[in-house]
Amino acid sequence: MAWQEYNNRRERAKFINALIAKTTEQFRDLELTDKVKPIKPPEKVEPTLIPESDLTDEEFAKTVLGKEVG
C-alpha cells in the first residue's frame, strides 16, 4: 500500500510538471529540480573581531597583549 502511494505521488508530480512545461527542455529541467535537494544557506557565525576603538585600555591589554594592567 505504501509503495502504491509512493508511485502515485511520483506520477502526480510528473504529470503536474508536464502540464506546467511548455517545451521538452522545460519538462527536463522541472524533473531535474525535483531530484536535487535544496542548498542550505551557510550558518551565521558570530564575528570574533572587535574594533579596537570599542575596547577599553584594560580590555585591550587583556585581549591583545595577554596580560592585565594594574
C-alpha atoms as a PDB file:
ATOM      1  CA  MET A   1       0.000   0.000   0.000  1.00  0.00           C
ATOM      2  CA  ALA A   2       2.846   2.388   0.862  1.00  0.00           C
ATOM      3  CA  TRP A   3       4.596   1.522  -2.411  1.00  0.00           C
ATOM      4  CA  GLN A   4       1.432   2.303  -4.357  1.00  0.00           C
ATOM      5  CA  GLU A   5       1.076   5.671  -2.585  1.00  0.00           C
ATOM      6  CA  TYR A   6       4.727   6.491  -3.332  1.00  0.00           C
ATOM      7  CA  ASN A   7       4.280   5.696  -7.044  1.00  0.00           C
ATOM      8  CA  ASN A   8       1.048   7.707  -7.217  1.00  0.00           C
ATOM      9  CA  ARG A   9       2.806  10.758  -5.810  1.00  0.00           C
ATOM     10  CA  ARG A  10       5.665  10.382  -8.258  1.00  0.00           C
ATOM     11  CA  GLU A  11       3.280  10.041 -11.203  1.00  0.00           C
ATOM     12  CA  ARG A  12       1.227  13.008  -9.997  1.00  0.00           C
ATOM     13  CA  ALA A  13       4.365  15.171  -9.706  1.00  0.00           C
ATOM     14  CA  LYS A  14       5.469  14.133 -13.206  1.00  0.00           C
ATOM     15  CA  PHE A  15       2.005  14.918 -14.602  1.00  0.00           C
ATOM     16  CA  ILE A  16       1.987  18.374 -12.996  1.00  0.00           C
ATOM     17  CA  ASN A  17       5.451  19.092 -14.409  1.00  0.00           C
ATOM     18  CA  ALA A  18       4.213  18.041 -17.849  1.00  0.00           C
ATOM     19  CA  LEU A  19       1.259  20.431 -17.575  1.00  0.00           C
ATOM     20  CA  ILE A  20       3.455  23.339 -16.469  1.00  0.00           C
ATOM     21  CA  ALA A  21       6.217  22.860 -19.048  1.00  0.00           C
ATOM     22  CA  LYS A  22       5.784  24.402 -22.482  1.00  0.00           C
ATOM     23  CA  THR A  23       8.745  22.633 -24.089  1.00  0.00           C
ATOM     24  CA  THR A  24      10.565  19.382 -23.567  1.00  0.00           C
ATOM     25  CA  GLU A  25      13.562  21.282 -22.212  1.00  0.00           C
ATOM     26  CA  GLN A  26      11.429  22.909 -19.524  1.00  0.00           C
ATOM     27  CA  PHE A  27       9.992  19.492 -18.608  1.00  0.00           C
ATOM     28  CA  ARG A  28      13.500  18.071 -18.318  1.00  0.00           C
ATOM     29  CA  ASP A  29      14.553  20.982 -16.088  1.00  0.00           C
ATOM     30  CA  LEU A  30      11.494  20.587 -13.849  1.00  0.00           C
ATOM     31  CA  GLU A  31      12.189  16.889 -13.441  1.00  0.00           C
ATOM     32  CA  LEU A  32      15.808  17.645 -12.554  1.00  0.00           C
ATOM     33  CA  THR A  33      14.837  20.196  -9.909  1.00  0.00           C
ATOM     34  CA  ASP A  34      12.578  17.627  -8.267  1.00  0.00           C
ATOM     35  CA  LYS A  35      15.538  15.281  -7.851  1.00  0.00           C
ATOM     36  CA  VAL A  36      18.021  17.844  -6.490  1.00  0.00           C
ATOM     37  CA  LYS A  37      17.986  18.740  -2.810  1.00  0.00           C
ATOM     38  CA  PRO A  38      17.799  22.439  -1.981  1.00  0.00           C
ATOM     39  CA  ILE A  39      21.027  24.086  -0.853  1.00  0.00           C
ATOM     40  CA  LYS A  40      21.068  25.181   2.764  1.00  0.00           C
ATOM     41  CA  PRO A  41      22.395  28.678   3.362  1.00  0.00           C
ATOM     42  CA  PRO A  42      25.543  28.817   5.495  1.00  0.00           C
ATOM     43  CA  GLU A  43      25.003  29.373   9.187  1.00  0.00           C
ATOM     44  CA  LYS A  44      25.812  32.800  10.507  1.00  0.00           C
ATOM     45  CA  VAL A  45      28.961  32.885  12.606  1.00  0.00           C
ATOM     46  CA  GLU A  46      29.429  35.458  15.331  1.00  0.00           C
ATOM     47  CA  PRO A  47      32.340  37.733  14.485  1.00  0.00           C
ATOM     48  CA  THR A  48      35.347  37.189  16.703  1.00  0.00           C
ATOM     49  CA  LEU A  49      36.942  40.506  15.803  1.00  0.00           C
ATOM     50  CA  ILE A  50      36.164  43.538  17.952  1.00  0.00           C
ATOM     51  CA  PRO A  51      37.019  47.036  16.745  1.00  0.00           C
ATOM     52  CA  GLU A  52      39.920  48.492  18.669  1.00  0.00           C
ATOM     53  CA  SER A  53      38.001  51.693  19.324  1.00  0.00           C
ATOM     54  CA  ASP A  54      35.325  49.742  21.242  1.00  0.00           C
ATOM     55  CA  LEU A  55      37.819  48.323  23.758  1.00  0.00           C
ATOM     56  CA  THR A  56      38.834  49.994  26.979  1.00  0.00           C
ATOM     57  CA  ASP A  57      42.525  50.130  27.909  1.00  0.00           C
ATOM     58  CA  GLU A  58      42.146  47.150  30.268  1.00  0.00           C
ATOM     59  CA  GLU A  59      40.281  45.050  27.690  1.00  0.00           C
ATOM     60  CA  PHE A  60      42.859  45.922  25.031  1.00  0.00           C
ATOM     61  CA  ALA A  61      45.746  44.865  27.233  1.00  0.00           C
ATOM     62  CA  LYS A  62      43.938  41.701  28.257  1.00  0.00           C
ATOM     63  CA  THR A  63      42.978  40.559  24.737  1.00  0.00           C
ATOM     64  CA  VAL A  64      45.881  41.840  22.630  1.00  0.00           C
ATOM     65  CA  LEU A  65      48.834  41.802  24.977  1.00  0.00           C
ATOM     66  CA  GLY A  66      47.655  38.865  27.064  1.00  0.00           C
ATOM     67  CA  LYS A  67      48.310  40.499  30.404  1.00  0.00           C
ATOM     68  CA  GLU A  68      46.355  42.557  32.885  1.00  0.00           C
ATOM     69  CA  VAL A  69      47.075  46.210  33.557  1.00  0.00           C
ATOM     70  CA  GLY A  70      47.429  47.409  37.066  1.00  0.00           C
END
